[in-house]
N, C-alpha and C. Protein backbone atom coordinates (compact mmCIF):
# COMPACT_ATOMS: atom_id res chain seq x y z
N UNK A 1 -13.16 -8.44 -0.09
CA UNK A 1 -13.71 -9.05 -1.17
C UNK A 1 -13.30 -8.33 -2.05
N UNK A 2 -13.22 -7.51 -2.71
CA UNK A 2 -12.56 -7.06 -3.71
C UNK A 2 -11.27 -6.78 -3.85
N UNK A 3 -10.93 -6.89 -3.13
CA UNK A 3 -9.19 -6.56 -3.02
C UNK A 3 -8.63 -8.26 -2.95
N UNK A 4 -9.26 -9.11 -2.34
CA UNK A 4 -8.83 -10.71 -3.28
C UNK A 4 -9.98 -11.06 -4.76
N UNK A 5 -10.07 -10.30 -5.05
CA UNK A 5 -10.39 -10.85 -6.43
C UNK A 5 -10.15 -10.09 -7.29
N UNK A 6 -8.74 -9.28 -7.05
CA UNK A 6 -8.05 -8.29 -7.28
C UNK A 6 -6.58 -9.17 -7.94
N UNK A 7 -6.53 -9.59 -6.58
CA UNK A 7 -4.84 -10.57 -6.37
C UNK A 7 -5.41 -11.06 -7.37
N UNK A 8 -6.19 -12.66 -7.18
CA UNK A 8 -6.59 -13.94 -7.73
C UNK A 8 -6.86 -14.06 -8.96
N UNK A 9 -6.88 -12.65 -10.26
CA UNK A 9 -7.70 -11.98 -10.83
C UNK A 9 -5.85 -11.71 -11.44
N UNK A 10 -4.56 -11.38 -11.15
CA UNK A 10 -3.94 -10.83 -11.36
C UNK A 10 -2.69 -12.15 -11.60
N UNK A 11 -2.79 -13.44 -10.74
CA UNK A 11 -2.14 -14.18 -10.99
C UNK A 11 -2.54 -15.10 -11.43
N UNK A 12 -4.06 -15.38 -12.10
CA UNK A 12 -4.35 -16.00 -12.02
C UNK A 12 -3.92 -15.97 -14.52
N UNK A 13 -4.07 -14.24 -14.13
CA UNK A 13 -3.62 -13.43 -15.40
C UNK A 13 -1.85 -13.63 -16.06
N UNK A 14 -1.29 -14.40 -14.25
CA UNK A 14 0.28 -13.98 -14.67
C UNK A 14 0.37 -16.06 -15.23
N UNK A 15 -0.61 -16.44 -14.73
CA UNK A 15 -0.07 -18.09 -14.62
C UNK A 15 -0.44 -18.18 -16.41
N UNK A 16 -1.61 -17.89 -16.67
CA UNK A 16 -1.87 -17.94 -18.06
C UNK A 16 -1.32 -17.60 -19.25
N UNK A 17 -0.08 -16.50 -18.72
CA UNK A 17 0.69 -15.86 -19.22
C UNK A 17 1.52 -16.73 -19.56
N UNK A 18 2.63 -17.16 -18.46
CA UNK A 18 3.56 -17.90 -18.55
C UNK A 18 3.11 -19.79 -19.34
N UNK A 19 1.87 -20.16 -19.53
CA UNK A 19 1.68 -21.17 -20.19
C UNK A 19 1.72 -21.55 -21.06
N UNK A 20 1.82 -19.90 -22.30
CA UNK A 20 1.71 -19.73 -23.30
C UNK A 20 2.73 -18.85 -24.07
N UNK A 21 4.12 -20.01 -24.24
CA UNK A 21 4.90 -19.97 -24.74
C UNK A 21 5.68 -19.23 -25.95
N UNK A 22 4.24 -19.35 -26.86
CA UNK A 22 4.51 -18.96 -27.93
C UNK A 22 3.38 -18.03 -28.42
N UNK A 23 3.02 -17.83 -27.03
CA UNK A 23 1.88 -16.38 -27.01
C UNK A 23 2.54 -14.87 -26.44
N UNK A 24 3.96 -15.48 -26.57
CA UNK A 24 4.56 -14.28 -25.95
C UNK A 24 5.59 -14.89 -26.39
N UNK A 25 6.46 -13.43 -27.44
CA UNK A 25 8.14 -13.94 -27.78
C UNK A 25 8.86 -13.32 -26.67
N UNK A 26 9.22 -13.70 -25.52
CA UNK A 26 10.19 -13.40 -24.34
C UNK A 26 10.04 -14.63 -23.79
N UNK A 27 11.58 -13.91 -22.72
CA UNK A 27 11.49 -14.81 -21.39
C UNK A 27 11.39 -13.94 -20.08
N UNK A 28 10.01 -14.93 -19.76
CA UNK A 28 10.13 -14.34 -18.54
C UNK A 28 10.85 -14.35 -17.69
N UNK A 29 11.93 -13.71 -16.64
CA UNK A 29 12.57 -14.06 -15.71
C UNK A 29 12.04 -13.23 -14.27
N UNK A 30 11.87 -12.78 -14.00
CA UNK A 30 10.70 -11.92 -12.72
C UNK A 30 9.65 -11.63 -12.74
N UNK A 31 9.41 -11.95 -11.44
CA UNK A 31 7.86 -11.43 -11.31
C UNK A 31 7.66 -10.83 -10.27
N UNK A 32 7.19 -9.48 -9.93
CA UNK A 32 6.87 -9.32 -8.38
C UNK A 32 5.57 -8.28 -7.98
N UNK A 33 4.71 -8.64 -7.46
CA UNK A 33 3.30 -8.40 -6.86
C UNK A 33 3.68 -7.53 -5.45
N UNK A 34 2.36 -6.88 -5.54
CA UNK A 34 2.87 -5.70 -3.94
C UNK A 34 1.41 -5.75 -4.14
N UNK A 35 0.45 -6.08 -3.76
CA UNK A 35 -0.51 -5.86 -2.95
C UNK A 35 -0.36 -4.54 -2.38
N UNK A 36 0.59 -4.46 -1.78
CA UNK A 36 0.33 -3.61 -0.11
C UNK A 36 0.52 -2.39 -0.94
N UNK A 37 1.01 -2.17 -2.10
CA UNK A 37 1.32 -0.96 -2.81
C UNK A 37 0.28 -0.83 -4.27
N UNK A 38 -1.02 -1.30 -3.57
CA UNK A 38 -2.29 -0.73 -4.68
C UNK A 38 -2.48 -1.57 -5.80
N UNK A 39 -1.42 -3.02 -5.94
CA UNK A 39 -1.93 -3.93 -6.87
C UNK A 39 -0.73 -3.78 -7.98
N UNK A 40 0.51 -3.17 -7.56
CA UNK A 40 2.05 -2.33 -8.00
C UNK A 40 2.59 -4.23 -8.43
N UNK A 41 3.30 -3.69 -9.81
CA UNK A 41 4.15 -5.60 -10.30
C UNK A 41 4.57 -4.67 -11.12
N UNK A 42 6.00 -5.51 -11.63
CA UNK A 42 6.65 -6.18 -12.10
C UNK A 42 7.07 -6.88 -12.84
N UNK A 43 7.43 -7.37 -14.20
CA UNK A 43 8.04 -8.26 -14.87
C UNK A 43 8.75 -7.64 -15.70
N UNK A 44 9.79 -9.53 -15.38
CA UNK A 44 10.99 -8.56 -16.36
C UNK A 44 11.65 -9.79 -16.97
N UNK A 45 11.89 -9.38 -18.14
CA UNK A 45 11.84 -10.39 -19.76
C UNK A 45 12.95 -10.25 -20.80
N UNK A 46 13.03 -11.41 -21.07
CA UNK A 46 13.91 -11.11 -22.51
C UNK A 46 13.36 -11.15 -23.42
N UNK A 47 13.78 -11.00 -24.37
CA UNK A 47 13.11 -10.92 -25.82
C UNK A 47 14.33 -10.19 -27.19
N UNK A 48 14.10 -11.71 -27.64
CA UNK A 48 15.72 -11.15 -29.03
C UNK A 48 17.29 -10.36 -28.50
N UNK A 49 17.65 -11.50 -26.96
CA UNK A 49 18.26 -11.11 -26.48
C UNK A 49 18.59 -9.74 -25.39
N UNK A 50 16.98 -8.86 -25.51
CA UNK A 50 17.13 -7.62 -24.75
C UNK A 50 16.62 -8.01 -23.72
N UNK A 51 16.50 -7.04 -23.27
CA UNK A 51 16.40 -7.06 -21.01
C UNK A 51 14.95 -6.20 -21.47
N UNK A 52 14.17 -6.48 -21.02
CA UNK A 52 12.88 -5.10 -20.57
C UNK A 52 12.62 -5.45 -19.21
N UNK A 53 12.04 -4.24 -18.11
CA UNK A 53 11.39 -4.13 -17.14
C UNK A 53 10.33 -3.53 -17.34
N UNK A 54 8.83 -4.37 -17.13
CA UNK A 54 7.59 -3.51 -17.08
C UNK A 54 6.80 -3.36 -15.78
N UNK A 55 6.67 -1.97 -15.23
CA UNK A 55 6.81 -1.87 -13.75
C UNK A 55 5.53 -1.44 -13.95
N UNK A 56 3.76 -1.74 -13.25
CA UNK A 56 3.00 -1.41 -13.21
C UNK A 56 2.57 -0.34 -11.42
N UNK A 57 2.58 0.93 -12.26
CA UNK A 57 1.92 1.05 -10.43
C UNK A 57 0.46 2.08 -10.04
N UNK A 58 0.28 1.22 -9.34
CA UNK A 58 -1.72 1.11 -9.51
C UNK A 58 -1.64 2.12 -7.86
N UNK A 59 -0.97 2.84 -6.99
CA UNK A 59 -1.11 4.33 -6.76
C UNK A 59 -1.14 5.35 -7.87
N UNK A 60 -0.62 5.09 -8.54
CA UNK A 60 -0.08 6.47 -9.81
C UNK A 60 -0.70 6.05 -11.37
N UNK A 61 -1.35 4.82 -11.34
CA UNK A 61 -1.90 4.42 -12.45
C UNK A 61 -1.52 4.15 -13.77
N UNK A 62 0.38 3.95 -13.32
CA UNK A 62 0.58 3.69 -14.65
C UNK A 62 2.00 2.43 -15.20
N UNK A 63 2.12 2.85 -16.33
CA UNK A 63 3.32 1.83 -16.78
C UNK A 63 4.55 2.35 -17.30
N UNK A 64 5.38 1.80 -16.15
CA UNK A 64 6.80 2.27 -16.82
C UNK A 64 7.41 0.96 -17.54
N UNK A 65 8.18 1.40 -18.62
CA UNK A 65 8.80 0.21 -19.51
C UNK A 65 10.38 0.92 -19.90
N UNK A 66 10.88 0.11 -18.84
CA UNK A 66 12.78 -0.01 -18.98
C UNK A 66 13.36 -1.25 -19.54
N UNK A 67 14.76 -1.06 -20.21
CA UNK A 67 15.42 -1.44 -21.00
C UNK A 67 17.12 -1.63 -20.18
N UNK A 68 17.67 -2.30 -20.24
CA UNK A 68 19.42 -2.64 -19.94
C UNK A 68 19.96 -3.40 -21.07
N UNK A 69 21.25 -2.70 -21.38
CA UNK A 69 21.82 -3.81 -21.93
C UNK A 69 22.75 -4.76 -21.41
N UNK A 70 23.17 -4.92 -19.91
CA UNK A 70 23.46 -6.14 -19.44
C UNK A 70 23.35 -7.03 -19.86
N UNK A 71 24.02 -8.35 -19.49
CA UNK A 71 24.03 -10.33 -19.65
C UNK A 71 22.85 -9.73 -18.88
N UNK A 72 22.91 -10.05 -17.40
CA UNK A 72 21.65 -11.00 -16.57
C UNK A 72 20.92 -10.00 -15.98
N UNK A 73 19.72 -10.22 -15.43
CA UNK A 73 19.11 -8.80 -15.30
C UNK A 73 19.20 -8.81 -13.38
N UNK A 74 19.67 -9.61 -13.11
CA UNK A 74 20.00 -9.07 -11.36
C UNK A 74 21.06 -7.63 -10.67
N UNK A 75 21.75 -8.43 -12.38
CA UNK A 75 22.67 -6.57 -12.58
C UNK A 75 22.64 -5.55 -13.31
N UNK A 76 21.26 -5.00 -13.81
CA UNK A 76 20.66 -4.32 -14.77
C UNK A 76 21.28 -3.43 -14.45
N UNK A 77 21.44 -1.86 -14.96
CA UNK A 77 20.89 -0.94 -15.15
C UNK A 77 19.72 -0.32 -16.30
N UNK A 78 18.72 -0.14 -15.09
CA UNK A 78 17.90 -0.11 -16.20
C UNK A 78 17.56 1.31 -16.39
N UNK A 79 17.65 1.64 -18.09
CA UNK A 79 17.00 3.31 -18.62
C UNK A 79 15.71 3.34 -19.12
N UNK A 80 14.97 4.42 -18.39
CA UNK A 80 13.18 4.15 -19.14
C UNK A 80 13.43 4.23 -20.66
N UNK A 81 12.11 3.89 -20.44
CA UNK A 81 12.06 3.82 -22.16
C UNK A 81 10.52 4.36 -22.69
N UNK A 82 10.05 3.91 -21.69
CA UNK A 82 8.27 4.54 -22.00
C UNK A 82 7.43 4.73 -20.52
N UNK A 83 6.41 5.65 -20.36
CA UNK A 83 5.79 6.03 -19.33
C UNK A 83 5.04 5.96 -19.78
N UNK A 84 3.68 5.34 -19.49
CA UNK A 84 2.40 5.65 -20.17
C UNK A 84 1.21 5.49 -18.69
N UNK A 85 0.41 7.05 -18.67
CA UNK A 85 -0.92 7.17 -17.58
C UNK A 85 -1.70 5.62 -18.22
N UNK A 86 -2.73 5.04 -17.35
CA UNK A 86 -3.35 3.86 -17.49
C UNK A 86 -4.46 4.49 -17.06
N UNK A 87 -5.84 4.51 -17.91
CA UNK A 87 -7.43 4.76 -17.64
C UNK A 87 -8.27 3.48 -17.22
N UNK A 88 -8.89 3.84 -16.50
CA UNK A 88 -10.07 2.57 -15.98
C UNK A 88 -9.43 1.87 -15.77
N UNK A 89 -9.87 -0.02 -16.00
CA UNK A 89 -9.11 -0.90 -15.21
C UNK A 89 -8.11 -1.32 -16.46
N UNK A 90 -7.39 -0.28 -16.76
CA UNK A 90 -5.79 -0.66 -17.20
C UNK A 90 -4.98 -1.79 -16.75
N UNK A 91 -5.12 -1.95 -15.23
CA UNK A 91 -3.78 -3.12 -14.67
C UNK A 91 -5.18 -4.34 -14.84
N UNK A 92 -5.27 -4.90 -15.38
CA UNK A 92 -6.22 -5.51 -15.27
C UNK A 92 -5.66 -6.70 -16.70
N UNK A 93 -5.01 -6.55 -17.36
CA UNK A 93 -4.66 -7.81 -17.92
C UNK A 93 -2.54 -7.32 -18.78
N UNK A 94 -2.41 -7.96 -17.55
CA UNK A 94 -0.54 -8.00 -17.42
C UNK A 94 -0.42 -8.36 -19.49
N UNK A 95 -0.07 -9.49 -19.54
CA UNK A 95 -0.06 -10.72 -20.57
C UNK A 95 0.21 -9.07 -21.87
N UNK A 96 -0.99 -8.08 -21.45
CA UNK A 96 -1.26 -7.19 -23.25
C UNK A 96 -0.24 -6.13 -22.74
N UNK A 97 -0.17 -5.84 -21.59
CA UNK A 97 0.88 -4.98 -21.35
C UNK A 97 2.34 -5.35 -21.54
N UNK A 98 2.75 -7.16 -21.94
CA UNK A 98 4.25 -6.86 -22.37
C UNK A 98 4.15 -6.58 -23.88
N UNK A 99 3.12 -7.68 -23.99
CA UNK A 99 2.98 -7.73 -25.63
C UNK A 99 2.96 -6.24 -26.41
N UNK A 100 2.56 -5.06 -25.96
CA UNK A 100 2.82 -3.57 -26.37
C UNK A 100 3.36 -3.81 -26.07
N UNK A 101 4.87 -3.84 -25.32
CA UNK A 101 5.81 -3.32 -25.06
C UNK A 101 6.94 -4.24 -25.67
N UNK A 102 7.10 -5.38 -26.14
CA UNK A 102 7.72 -6.12 -26.76
C UNK A 102 6.98 -5.17 -28.37
N UNK A 103 5.93 -5.29 -28.92
CA UNK A 103 5.47 -5.15 -30.06
C UNK A 103 6.31 -3.48 -30.24
N UNK A 104 6.20 -2.36 -29.89
CA UNK A 104 7.00 -1.39 -29.55
C UNK A 104 8.36 -1.07 -30.10
N UNK A 105 8.94 -2.60 -29.18
CA UNK A 105 10.52 -2.01 -29.11
C UNK A 105 11.43 -3.18 -30.07
N UNK A 106 10.47 -4.16 -31.05
CA UNK A 106 10.74 -4.44 -31.76
C UNK A 106 11.92 -3.78 -32.96
N UNK A 107 13.10 -4.14 -33.70
CA UNK A 107 13.63 -3.11 -34.30
C UNK A 107 13.26 -2.82 -35.27
N UNK A 108 12.98 -1.44 -36.19
CA UNK A 108 12.51 -1.59 -37.26
C UNK A 108 13.34 -2.42 -38.56
């Protein structure tokens, strides 16, 4: 039951994120969720013409942020920007992960 709750919670949060276009200063290009890999997921977005991929590794409990200068995300050659350990229920809010990434990546 707990596993089903985690899956449902993830997809409800991703749906809320997708339904709030003004709440997310980015275009969602791709989303992948792998329950067999401890609830790992990834999201690819374009913000201000830049490509970002946020990967949350469920087993290792870490968030990996990558970026690419490619024009199309399917041809992206990803380079790491940051790797962060997640404490507690750090996998709980996908939207917050994305907003943190975009805030940190804004040009100065």
